[in-house]
Amino acid sequence: MFGLERMRALHAVATHGTVAAAASALHVTPSGVSQQLAKLEREAGQRLLEPHGRTVRLTTAGHVLAGHAAAILAQVDQARADLELLRDDITGPLRIGAIPTTVHALLPPVLSALRAQHPGLEVTLHEGEAEETLPRLVDGRLDVAVLESWEHRPLTAPPGTSRITLLHDVADLALPASHRLAHRKAVDLAEVDDIPWIAWCAGSSCYDWLAHVLRQHGNGRITCAVGSYPTQLALVAGNVGAAVVPRLGRDTVPDGVRILTTRPALNRTIYAFTRAEDDNRGTTRAFTDALTAAASRFHNLA
């Protein structure tokens, strides 16, 4: 009964607010959008738009039909993506940004599987923290961003993006084996007040998160900023300071280091962020599906 392109025009007006903005988003002329809406009104048998100052707004019927249009268009996009994933020739660029722990623990098997399954997929990988990676995603320089969100300092998803929960992780306390608390299984962070701290690189979201947590517990003397968890653990082993290290980022613990749980627990969630408009692209779906499967092997970290 309702033409798909007419429903798309209505959805665009509901999303962007004006016929002109909808036309720009659809890469057509405003008169083309108006013609589609006029045909849709005749098919619906009700007015979908009404004058509002110098522009128009949706009527009650328009809002109702626009809601259905959004659901229909999403279902069509999903169907197209599902069919595309059945093809063996998913090709083209796929630009990924990811935090170091996921580059190390998650991405090697994912990228290997994608290369084997879709040899025409041109993958590039940029390692970085959220403060540099999210802007690249929003402005189109990246297609997917694999990032962390700490419970005590959550990461806000920018408008126009969506996210997939991959796994939950916990950061534990790493102390020198000679420290007075090293024999314990768990400690309150406020108790660790006699040793400097080792953090991620200054200016990063991880550094800011740890500084925030330490301030909450009455101590915060960070003397080392190092962008590698194995290096942080090596410094702990050398009695340089204490660190908090996520379980996903910890393969082995060097001699001279003791790992303790903290009170309160230091929790984070790993997400894959995409632009909402690209969620159902074949290249994006192929990657996020493979990433979700890889992340399921770490479900028991937290």
C-alpha atoms as a PDB file:
ATOM      1  CA  MET A   1       0.000   0.000   0.000  1.00  0.00           C
ATOM      2  CA  PHE A   2       2.733   2.474   0.944  1.00  0.00           C
ATOM      3  CA  GLY A   3       5.698   2.898  -1.390  1.00  0.00           C
ATOM      4  CA  LEU A   4       9.085   2.372   0.255  1.00  0.00           C
ATOM      5  CA  GLU A   5      10.573   5.598  -1.129  1.00  0.00           C
ATOM      6  CA  ARG A   6       7.575   7.547   0.149  1.00  0.00           C
ATOM      7  CA  MET A   7       8.038   6.051   3.599  1.00  0.00           C
ATOM      8  CA  ARG A   8      11.719   6.958   3.385  1.00  0.00           C
ATOM      9  CA  ALA A   9      10.780  10.567   2.595  1.00  0.00           C
ATOM     10  CA  LEU A  10       8.454  10.735   5.598  1.00  0.00           C
ATOM     11  CA  HIS A  11      11.096   9.216   7.868  1.00  0.00           C
ATOM     12  CA  ALA A  12      13.638  11.764   6.652  1.00  0.00           C
ATOM     13  CA  VAL A  13      11.303  14.683   7.421  1.00  0.00           C
ATOM     14  CA  ALA A  14      10.583  13.243  10.880  1.00  0.00           C
ATOM     15  CA  THR A  15      14.302  12.803  11.518  1.00  0.00           C
ATOM     16  CA  HIS A  16      15.646  16.065  10.093  1.00  0.00           C
ATOM     17  CA  GLY A  17      12.744  18.390  10.818  1.00  0.00           C
ATOM     18  CA  THR A  18      12.199  20.086   7.463  1.00  0.00           C
ATOM     19  CA  VAL A  19      11.561  19.130   3.854  1.00  0.00           C
ATOM     20  CA  ALA A  20      14.758  20.903   2.792  1.00  0.00           C
ATOM     21  CA  ALA A  21      16.887  19.046   5.342  1.00  0.00           C
ATOM     22  CA  ALA A  22      15.230  15.764   4.413  1.00  0.00           C
ATOM     23  CA  ALA A  23      15.957  16.414   0.729  1.00  0.00           C
ATOM     24  CA  SER A  24      19.605  17.114   1.529  1.00  0.00           C
ATOM     25  CA  ALA A  25      19.902  13.892   3.526  1.00  0.00           C
ATOM     26  CA  LEU A  26      18.284  11.886   0.712  1.00  0.00           C
ATOM     27  CA  HIS A  27      20.289  13.674  -2.004  1.00  0.00           C
ATOM     28  CA  VAL A  28      17.150  14.721  -3.881  1.00  0.00           C
ATOM     29  CA  THR A  29      15.394  18.025  -4.463  1.00  0.00           C
ATOM     30  CA  PRO A  30      12.871  19.456  -1.960  1.00  0.00           C
ATOM     31  CA  SER A  31      10.182  19.264  -4.634  1.00  0.00           C
ATOM     32  CA  GLY A  32      10.959  15.560  -5.044  1.00  0.00           C
ATOM     33  CA  VAL A  33      10.401  14.994  -1.315  1.00  0.00           C
ATOM     34  CA  SER A  34       7.173  17.034  -1.407  1.00  0.00           C
ATOM     35  CA  GLN A  35       5.874  14.958  -4.311  1.00  0.00           C
ATOM     36  CA  GLN A  36       6.614  11.700  -2.462  1.00  0.00           C
ATOM     37  CA  LEU A  37       4.821  13.002   0.638  1.00  0.00           C
ATOM     38  CA  ALA A  38       1.800  14.140  -1.353  1.00  0.00           C
ATOM     39  CA  LYS A  39       1.495  10.647  -2.858  1.00  0.00           C
ATOM     40  CA  LEU A  40       1.871   9.101   0.594  1.00  0.00           C
ATOM     41  CA  GLU A  41      -0.917  11.305   1.975  1.00  0.00           C
ATOM     42  CA  ARG A  42      -3.221  10.115  -0.816  1.00  0.00           C
ATOM     43  CA  GLU A  43      -2.335   6.506  -0.041  1.00  0.00           C
ATOM     44  CA  ALA A  44      -2.881   7.033   3.691  1.00  0.00           C
ATOM     45  CA  GLY A  45      -6.115   8.959   3.238  1.00  0.00           C
ATOM     46  CA  GLN A  46      -5.043  11.414   5.938  1.00  0.00           C
ATOM     47  CA  ARG A  47      -2.975  14.553   6.200  1.00  0.00           C
ATOM     48  CA  LEU A  48       0.537  13.760   7.319  1.00  0.00           C
ATOM     49  CA  LEU A  49       1.935  17.314   7.324  1.00  0.00           C
ATOM     50  CA  GLU A  50       0.531  20.686   8.358  1.00  0.00           C
ATOM     51  CA  PRO A  51       1.848  24.248   8.029  1.00  0.00           C
ATOM     52  CA  HIS A  52       3.996  25.478  10.899  1.00  0.00           C
ATOM     53  CA  GLY A  53       5.254  29.002  10.405  1.00  0.00           C
ATOM     54  CA  ARG A  54       7.360  29.016   7.275  1.00  0.00           C
ATOM     55  CA  THR A  55       7.815  25.271   7.310  1.00  0.00           C
ATOM     56  CA  VAL A  56       5.747  22.161   8.067  1.00  0.00           C
ATOM     57  CA  ARG A  57       5.390  19.679  10.883  1.00  0.00           C
ATOM     58  CA  LEU A  58       3.987  16.185  11.168  1.00  0.00           C
ATOM     59  CA  THR A  59       0.380  15.691  12.176  1.00  0.00           C
ATOM     60  CA  THR A  60      -0.602  13.033  14.669  1.00  0.00           C
ATOM     61  CA  ALA A  61      -1.185  10.655  11.766  1.00  0.00           C
ATOM     62  CA  GLY A  62       2.186  11.681  10.358  1.00  0.00           C
ATOM     63  CA  HIS A  63       3.962  10.815  13.607  1.00  0.00           C
ATOM     64  CA  VAL A  64       2.205   7.439  13.759  1.00  0.00           C
ATOM     65  CA  LEU A  65       3.130   6.556  10.187  1.00  0.00           C
ATOM     66  CA  ALA A  66       6.676   7.882  10.642  1.00  0.00           C
ATOM     67  CA  GLY A  67       7.149   5.453  13.524  1.00  0.00           C
ATOM     68  CA  HIS A  68       6.099   2.585  11.306  1.00  0.00           C
ATOM     69  CA  ALA A  69       8.333   3.925   8.522  1.00  0.00           C
ATOM     70  CA  ALA A  70      11.362   3.815  10.819  1.00  0.00           C
ATOM     71  CA  ALA A  71      10.649   0.201  11.736  1.00  0.00           C
ATOM     72  CA  ILE A  72      10.035  -0.821   8.125  1.00  0.00           C
ATOM     73  CA  LEU A  73      13.182   0.860   6.822  1.00  0.00           C
ATOM     74  CA  ALA A  74      15.258  -0.706   9.597  1.00  0.00           C
ATOM     75  CA  GLN A  75      13.855  -4.123   8.702  1.00  0.00           C
ATOM     76  CA  VAL A  76      14.633  -3.600   5.016  1.00  0.00           C
ATOM     77  CA  ASP A  77      18.204  -2.564   5.865  1.00  0.00           C
ATOM     78  CA  GLN A  78      18.543  -5.623   8.099  1.00  0.00           C
ATOM     79  CA  ALA A  79      17.299  -7.896   5.323  1.00  0.00           C
ATOM     80  CA  ARG A  80      19.739  -6.345   2.861  1.00  0.00           C
ATOM     81  CA  ALA A  81      22.620  -6.787   5.322  1.00  0.00           C
ATOM     82  CA  ASP A  82      21.678 -10.406   6.067  1.00  0.00           C
ATOM     83  CA  LEU A  83      21.669 -11.197   2.360  1.00  0.00           C
ATOM     84  CA  GLU A  84      24.954  -9.380   1.833  1.00  0.00           C
ATOM     85  CA  LEU A  85      26.614 -11.461   4.545  1.00  0.00           C
ATOM     86  CA  LEU A  86      25.728 -14.610   2.596  1.00  0.00           C
ATOM     87  CA  ARG A  87      27.954 -13.420  -0.212  1.00  0.00           C
ATOM     88  CA  ASP A  88      31.560 -14.522  -0.358  1.00  0.00           C
ATOM     89  CA  ASP A  89      32.698 -11.288  -1.998  1.00  0.00           C
ATOM     90  CA  ILE A  90      32.315  -8.660   0.722  1.00  0.00           C
ATOM     91  CA  THR A  91      34.894  -6.163  -0.459  1.00  0.00           C
ATOM     92  CA  GLY A  92      36.106  -2.643   0.114  1.00  0.00           C
ATOM     93  CA  PRO A  93      37.691  -0.685   2.925  1.00  0.00           C
ATOM     94  CA  LEU A  94      37.049  -1.274   6.613  1.00  0.00           C
ATOM     95  CA  ARG A  95      38.751   1.176   8.985  1.00  0.00           C
ATOM     96  CA  ILE A  96      38.998   0.125  12.626  1.00  0.00           C
ATOM     97  CA  GLY A  97      40.115   2.020  15.707  1.00  0.00           C
ATOM     98  CA  ALA A  98      40.688   0.136  18.957  1.00  0.00           C
ATOM     99  CA  ILE A  99      42.217   0.476  22.402  1.00  0.00           C
ATOM    100  CA  PRO A 100      45.488  -1.426  22.951  1.00  0.00           C
ATOM    101  CA  THR A 101      44.122  -4.234  25.145  1.00  0.00           C
ATOM    102  CA  THR A 102      41.587  -5.208  22.483  1.00  0.00           C
ATOM    103  CA  VAL A 103      44.151  -4.924  19.705  1.00  0.00           C
ATOM    104  CA  HIS A 104      46.258  -7.420  21.644  1.00  0.00           C
ATOM    105  CA  ALA A 105      43.605  -9.820  22.931  1.00  0.00           C
ATOM    106  CA  LEU A 106      40.645  -9.656  20.526  1.00  0.00           C
ATOM    107  CA  LEU A 107      41.644  -8.456  17.088  1.00  0.00           C
ATOM    108  CA  PRO A 108      44.297 -10.964  15.911  1.00  0.00           C
ATOM    109  CA  PRO A 109      41.834 -13.887  15.544  1.00  0.00           C
ATOM    110  CA  VAL A 110      39.123 -11.567  14.216  1.00  0.00           C
ATOM    111  CA  LEU A 111      41.300 -10.077  11.493  1.00  0.00           C
ATOM    112  CA  SER A 112      42.675 -13.502  10.609  1.00  0.00           C
ATOM    113  CA  ALA A 113      39.156 -14.905  10.205  1.00  0.00           C
ATOM    114  CA  LEU A 114      38.039 -11.938   8.109  1.00  0.00           C
ATOM    115  CA  ARG A 115      41.034 -12.267   5.797  1.00  0.00           C
ATOM    116  CA  ALA A 116      40.274 -15.947   5.241  1.00  0.00           C
ATOM    117  CA  GLN A 117      36.531 -15.453   4.726  1.00  0.00           C
ATOM    118  CA  HIS A 118      36.569 -12.155   2.839  1.00  0.00           C
ATOM    119  CA  PRO A 119      39.915 -11.717   1.057  1.00  0.00           C
ATOM    120  CA  GLY A 120      38.602  -8.654  -0.769  1.00  0.00           C
ATOM    121  CA  LEU A 121      38.078  -6.779   2.498  1.00  0.00           C
ATOM    122  CA  GLU A 122      40.706  -4.044   2.897  1.00  0.00           C
ATOM    123  CA  VAL A 123      41.192  -3.648   6.652  1.00  0.00           C
ATOM    124  CA  THR A 124      43.214  -0.883   8.264  1.00  0.00           C
ATOM    125  CA  LEU A 125      43.721  -0.663  12.024  1.00  0.00           C
ATOM    126  CA  HIS A 126      44.446   2.401  14.164  1.00  0.00           C
ATOM    127  CA  GLU A 127      45.366   1.878  17.821  1.00  0.00           C
ATOM    128  CA  GLY A 128      44.228   4.679  20.093  1.00  0.00           C
ATOM    129  CA  GLU A 129      42.167   5.809  23.046  1.00  0.00           C
ATOM    130  CA  ALA A 130      38.596   7.096  22.939  1.00  0.00           C
ATOM    131  CA  GLU A 131      39.575  10.769  22.918  1.00  0.00           C
ATOM    132  CA  GLU A 132      41.160  10.396  19.482  1.00  0.00           C
ATOM    133  CA  THR A 133      39.205   7.442  18.110  1.00  0.00           C
ATOM    134  CA  LEU A 134      35.611   8.588  18.660  1.00  0.00           C
ATOM    135  CA  PRO A 135      36.023  11.838  16.680  1.00  0.00           C
ATOM    136  CA  ARG A 136      37.476   9.786  13.822  1.00  0.00           C
ATOM    137  CA  LEU A 137      34.398   7.559  13.911  1.00  0.00           C
ATOM    138  CA  VAL A 138      31.936  10.445  13.990  1.00  0.00           C
ATOM    139  CA  ASP A 139      33.521  12.320  11.075  1.00  0.00           C
ATOM    140  CA  GLY A 140      33.791   9.193   8.925  1.00  0.00           C
ATOM    141  CA  ARG A 141      37.535   8.489   9.091  1.00  0.00           C
ATOM    142  CA  LEU A 142      36.795   5.206  10.930  1.00  0.00           C
ATOM    143  CA  ASP A 143      34.007   2.663  10.482  1.00  0.00           C
ATOM    144  CA  VAL A 144      34.219   0.910  13.874  1.00  0.00           C
ATOM    145  CA  ALA A 145      35.738   1.928  17.214  1.00  0.00           C
ATOM    146  CA  VAL A 146      36.429  -0.709  19.889  1.00  0.00           C
ATOM    147  CA  LEU A 147      36.583   1.164  23.185  1.00  0.00           C
ATOM    148  CA  GLU A 148      36.216   0.848  26.950  1.00  0.00           C
ATOM    149  CA  SER A 149      33.810   2.512  29.345  1.00  0.00           C
ATOM    150  CA  TRP A 150      34.740   2.550  33.040  1.00  0.00           C
ATOM    151  CA  GLU A 151      31.990   2.191  35.616  1.00  0.00           C
ATOM    152  CA  HIS A 152      33.230   5.205  37.596  1.00  0.00           C
ATOM    153  CA  ARG A 153      33.788   7.347  34.483  1.00  0.00           C
ATOM    154  CA  PRO A 154      31.442   6.107  31.722  1.00  0.00           C
ATOM    155  CA  LEU A 155      32.025   6.870  28.058  1.00  0.00           C
ATOM    156  CA  THR A 156      29.174   8.763  26.399  1.00  0.00           C
ATOM    157  CA  ALA A 157      28.130   7.621  22.938  1.00  0.00           C
ATOM    158  CA  PRO A 158      28.094  10.603  20.539  1.00  0.00           C
ATOM    159  CA  PRO A 159      24.834  11.366  18.695  1.00  0.00           C
ATOM    160  CA  GLY A 160      24.413   9.323  15.552  1.00  0.00           C
ATOM    161  CA  THR A 161      26.374   6.355  16.876  1.00  0.00           C
ATOM    162  CA  SER A 162      25.323   2.983  18.229  1.00  0.00           C
ATOM    163  CA  ARG A 163      27.223   0.421  20.231  1.00  0.00           C
ATOM    164  CA  ILE A 164      27.412  -3.324  20.789  1.00  0.00           C
ATOM    165  CA  THR A 165      28.385  -4.709  24.182  1.00  0.00           C
ATOM    166  CA  LEU A 166      31.297  -7.106  23.724  1.00  0.00           C
ATOM    167  CA  LEU A 167      32.382  -8.068  27.233  1.00  0.00           C
ATOM    168  CA  HIS A 168      32.752  -6.976  30.848  1.00  0.00           C
ATOM    169  CA  ASP A 169      36.203  -6.722  32.383  1.00  0.00           C
ATOM    170  CA  VAL A 170      37.750  -5.985  35.783  1.00  0.00           C
ATOM    171  CA  ALA A 171      40.974  -4.187  36.651  1.00  0.00           C
ATOM    172  CA  ASP A 172      42.967  -5.651  39.541  1.00  0.00           C
ATOM    173  CA  LEU A 173      45.610  -4.082  41.749  1.00  0.00           C
ATOM    174  CA  ALA A 174      49.236  -4.938  40.999  1.00  0.00           C
ATOM    175  CA  LEU A 175      51.639  -4.483  43.931  1.00  0.00           C
ATOM    176  CA  PRO A 176      55.333  -5.237  44.388  1.00  0.00           C
ATOM    177  CA  ALA A 177      55.734  -8.587  46.145  1.00  0.00           C
ATOM    178  CA  SER A 178      57.577  -6.812  48.966  1.00  0.00           C
ATOM    179  CA  HIS A 179      54.750  -4.394  49.723  1.00  0.00           C
ATOM    180  CA  ARG A 180      53.125  -4.656  53.168  1.00  0.00           C
ATOM    181  CA  LEU A 181      49.723  -5.495  51.610  1.00  0.00           C
ATOM    182  CA  ALA A 182      50.984  -7.997  49.034  1.00  0.00           C
ATOM    183  CA  HIS A 183      49.998 -11.014  51.140  1.00  0.00           C
ATOM    184  CA  ARG A 184      46.312 -10.024  51.025  1.00  0.00           C
ATOM    185  CA  LYS A 185      43.726 -11.270  48.524  1.00  0.00           C
ATOM    186  CA  ALA A 186      41.759  -8.013  48.440  1.00  0.00           C
ATOM    187  CA  VAL A 187      42.364  -4.461  49.624  1.00  0.00           C
ATOM    188  CA  ASP A 188      40.573  -1.156  49.862  1.00  0.00           C
ATOM    189  CA  LEU A 189      42.235   1.310  47.525  1.00  0.00           C
ATOM    190  CA  ALA A 190      42.419   3.839  50.359  1.00  0.00           C
ATOM    191  CA  GLU A 191      44.868   1.483  52.110  1.00  0.00           C
ATOM    192  CA  VAL A 192      47.421   1.853  49.327  1.00  0.00           C
ATOM    193  CA  ASP A 193      48.728   5.211  50.536  1.00  0.00           C
ATOM    194  CA  ASP A 194      52.466   4.615  50.827  1.00  0.00           C
ATOM    195  CA  ILE A 195      53.534   3.956  47.248  1.00  0.00           C
ATOM    196  CA  PRO A 196      53.353   5.945  43.985  1.00  0.00           C
ATOM    197  CA  TRP A 197      51.061   4.937  41.142  1.00  0.00           C
ATOM    198  CA  ILE A 198      51.749   3.926  37.570  1.00  0.00           C
ATOM    199  CA  ALA A 199      49.124   5.036  35.063  1.00  0.00           C
ATOM    200  CA  TRP A 200      48.453   4.954  31.328  1.00  0.00           C
ATOM    201  CA  CYS A 201      49.811   7.835  29.217  1.00  0.00           C
ATOM    202  CA  ALA A 202      49.045  11.329  30.529  1.00  0.00           C
ATOM    203  CA  GLY A 203      46.130  12.983  28.770  1.00  0.00           C
ATOM    204  CA  SER A 204      44.431   9.683  27.995  1.00  0.00           C
ATOM    205  CA  SER A 205      41.001   8.684  29.273  1.00  0.00           C
ATOM    206  CA  CYS A 206      42.647   5.807  31.212  1.00  0.00           C
ATOM    207  CA  TYR A 207      44.962   8.239  32.995  1.00  0.00           C
ATOM    208  CA  ASP A 208      42.052  10.548  33.827  1.00  0.00           C
ATOM    209  CA  TRP A 209      39.986   7.590  35.053  1.00  0.00           C
ATOM    210  CA  LEU A 210      42.708   6.373  37.427  1.00  0.00           C
ATOM    211  CA  ALA A 211      43.372   9.900  38.731  1.00  0.00           C
ATOM    212  CA  HIS A 212      39.633  10.249  39.394  1.00  0.00           C
ATOM    213  CA  VAL A 213      39.456   6.909  41.232  1.00  0.00           C
ATOM    214  CA  LEU A 214      42.515   7.699  43.334  1.00  0.00           C
ATOM    215  CA  ARG A 215      41.163  11.106  44.331  1.00  0.00           C
ATOM    216  CA  GLN A 216      37.950   9.426  45.479  1.00  0.00           C
ATOM    217  CA  HIS A 217      40.007   7.241  47.816  1.00  0.00           C
ATOM    218  CA  GLY A 218      42.251   9.938  49.194  1.00  0.00           C
ATOM    219  CA  ASN A 219      45.462   9.221  47.327  1.00  0.00           C
ATOM    220  CA  GLY A 220      46.620  10.128  43.856  1.00  0.00           C
ATOM    221  CA  ARG A 221      50.384  10.475  43.451  1.00  0.00           C
ATOM    222  CA  ILE A 222      50.965   9.259  39.898  1.00  0.00           C
ATOM    223  CA  THR A 223      54.667   9.273  39.081  1.00  0.00           C
ATOM    224  CA  CYS A 224      54.805   7.121  35.936  1.00  0.00           C
ATOM    225  CA  ALA A 225      52.647   7.295  32.800  1.00  0.00           C
ATOM    226  CA  VAL A 226      53.247   4.333  30.514  1.00  0.00           C
ATOM    227  CA  GLY A 227      51.190   3.219  27.524  1.00  0.00           C
ATOM    228  CA  SER A 228      51.648  -0.525  27.965  1.00  0.00           C
ATOM    229  CA  TYR A 229      50.320  -2.843  30.650  1.00  0.00           C
ATOM    230  CA  PRO A 230      53.265  -5.294  30.380  1.00  0.00           C
ATOM    231  CA  THR A 231      55.597  -2.328  30.944  1.00  0.00           C
ATOM    232  CA  GLN A 232      53.505  -1.186  33.902  1.00  0.00           C
ATOM    233  CA  LEU A 233      53.817  -4.656  35.431  1.00  0.00           C
ATOM    234  CA  ALA A 234      57.573  -4.620  34.847  1.00  0.00           C
ATOM    235  CA  LEU A 235      57.762  -1.330  36.750  1.00  0.00           C
ATOM    236  CA  VAL A 236      55.688  -2.808  39.569  1.00  0.00           C
ATOM    237  CA  ALA A 237      58.088  -5.760  39.703  1.00  0.00           C
ATOM    238  CA  GLY A 238      60.906  -3.248  40.040  1.00  0.00           C
ATOM    239  CA  ASN A 239      59.221  -1.744  43.100  1.00  0.00           C
ATOM    240  CA  VAL A 240      58.592   1.545  41.263  1.00  0.00           C
ATOM    241  CA  GLY A 241      54.903   1.779  42.149  1.00  0.00           C
ATOM    242  CA  ALA A 242      51.452   0.206  42.096  1.00  0.00           C
ATOM    243  CA  ALA A 243      49.186  -0.164  39.063  1.00  0.00           C
ATOM    244  CA  VAL A 244      45.699  -1.293  38.140  1.00  0.00           C
ATOM    245  CA  VAL A 245      45.656  -3.690  35.199  1.00  0.00           C
ATOM    246  CA  PRO A 246      42.561  -5.022  33.388  1.00  0.00           C
ATOM    247  CA  ARG A 247      42.335  -8.784  33.175  1.00  0.00           C
ATOM    248  CA  LEU A 248      41.953  -8.606  29.404  1.00  0.00           C
ATOM    249  CA  GLY A 249      45.301  -6.811  29.232  1.00  0.00           C
ATOM    250  CA  ARG A 250      47.185  -9.266  31.439  1.00  0.00           C
ATOM    251  CA  ASP A 251      48.715 -12.359  29.866  1.00  0.00           C
ATOM    252  CA  THR A 252      51.378 -13.199  32.418  1.00  0.00           C
ATOM    253  CA  VAL A 253      52.409 -11.740  35.751  1.00  0.00           C
ATOM    254  CA  PRO A 254      56.163 -11.254  36.178  1.00  0.00           C
ATOM    255  CA  ASP A 255      58.034 -12.438  39.252  1.00  0.00           C
ATOM    256  CA  GLY A 256      57.934  -9.818  41.960  1.00  0.00           C
ATOM    257  CA  VAL A 257      54.308  -8.794  41.323  1.00  0.00           C
ATOM    258  CA  ARG A 258      51.240  -9.742  43.329  1.00  0.00           C
ATOM    259  CA  ILE A 259      47.719  -9.328  41.932  1.00  0.00           C
ATOM    260  CA  LEU A 260      44.924  -8.404  44.364  1.00  0.00           C
ATOM    261  CA  THR A 261      41.259  -7.633  43.862  1.00  0.00           C
ATOM    262  CA  THR A 262      40.075  -4.202  44.946  1.00  0.00           C
ATOM    263  CA  ARG A 263      37.261  -2.867  47.088  1.00  0.00           C
ATOM    264  CA  PRO A 264      35.312  -1.455  45.360  1.00  0.00           C
ATOM    265  CA  ALA A 265      35.762  -3.446  42.177  1.00  0.00           C
ATOM    266  CA  LEU A 266      37.077  -1.519  39.180  1.00  0.00           C
ATOM    267  CA  ASN A 267      34.803  -2.541  36.321  1.00  0.00           C
ATOM    268  CA  ARG A 268      34.793  -1.637  32.657  1.00  0.00           C
ATOM    269  CA  THR A 269      32.762  -2.634  29.602  1.00  0.00           C
ATOM    270  CA  ILE A 270      34.202  -3.095  26.128  1.00  0.00           C
ATOM    271  CA  TYR A 271      31.983  -1.813  23.312  1.00  0.00           C
ATOM    272  CA  ALA A 272      32.124  -1.712  19.532  1.00  0.00           C
ATOM    273  CA  PHE A 273      30.885   1.709  18.381  1.00  0.00           C
ATOM    274  CA  THR A 274      29.638   2.323  14.846  1.00  0.00           C
ATOM    275  CA  ARG A 275      27.837   5.124  13.063  1.00  0.00           C
ATOM    276  CA  ALA A 276      24.154   4.226  13.278  1.00  0.00           C
ATOM    277  CA  GLU A 277      23.720   4.686   9.544  1.00  0.00           C
ATOM    278  CA  ASP A 278      26.398   2.048   8.878  1.00  0.00           C
ATOM    279  CA  ASP A 279      25.209  -0.654  11.283  1.00  0.00           C
ATOM    280  CA  ASN A 280      23.919  -2.850   8.486  1.00  0.00           C
ATOM    281  CA  ARG A 281      26.721  -2.373   5.968  1.00  0.00           C
ATOM    282  CA  GLY A 282      28.114  -5.748   4.987  1.00  0.00           C
ATOM    283  CA  THR A 283      31.698  -4.809   5.859  1.00  0.00           C
ATOM    284  CA  THR A 284      30.708  -3.459   9.278  1.00  0.00           C
ATOM    285  CA  ARG A 285      28.451  -6.393  10.079  1.00  0.00           C
ATOM    286  CA  ALA A 286      31.083  -8.934   9.052  1.00  0.00           C
ATOM    287  CA  PHE A 287      33.559  -7.339  11.461  1.00  0.00           C
ATOM    288  CA  THR A 288      31.210  -6.829  14.421  1.00  0.00           C
ATOM    289  CA  ASP A 289      29.844 -10.375  14.102  1.00  0.00           C
ATOM    290  CA  ALA A 290      33.373 -11.809  14.135  1.00  0.00           C
ATOM    291  CA  LEU A 291      34.336  -9.504  17.006  1.00  0.00           C
ATOM    292  CA  THR A 292      31.311 -10.536  19.076  1.00  0.00           C
ATOM    293  CA  ALA A 293      32.175 -14.190  18.566  1.00  0.00           C
ATOM    294  CA  ALA A 294      35.781 -13.602  19.656  1.00  0.00           C
ATOM    295  CA  ALA A 295      34.688 -11.604  22.708  1.00  0.00           C
ATOM    296  CA  SER A 296      32.422 -14.446  23.868  1.00  0.00           C
ATOM    297  CA  ARG A 297      35.558 -16.416  24.800  1.00  0.00           C
ATOM    298  CA  PHE A 298      36.251 -13.847  27.519  1.00  0.00           C
ATOM    299  CA  HIS A 299      32.803 -13.851  29.132  1.00  0.00           C
ATOM    300  CA  ASN A 300      34.147 -14.961  32.506  1.00  0.00           C
ATOM    301  CA  LEU A 301      36.654 -12.121  33.049  1.00  0.00           C
ATOM    302  CA  ALA A 302      34.402 -10.154  35.401  1.00  0.00           C
END
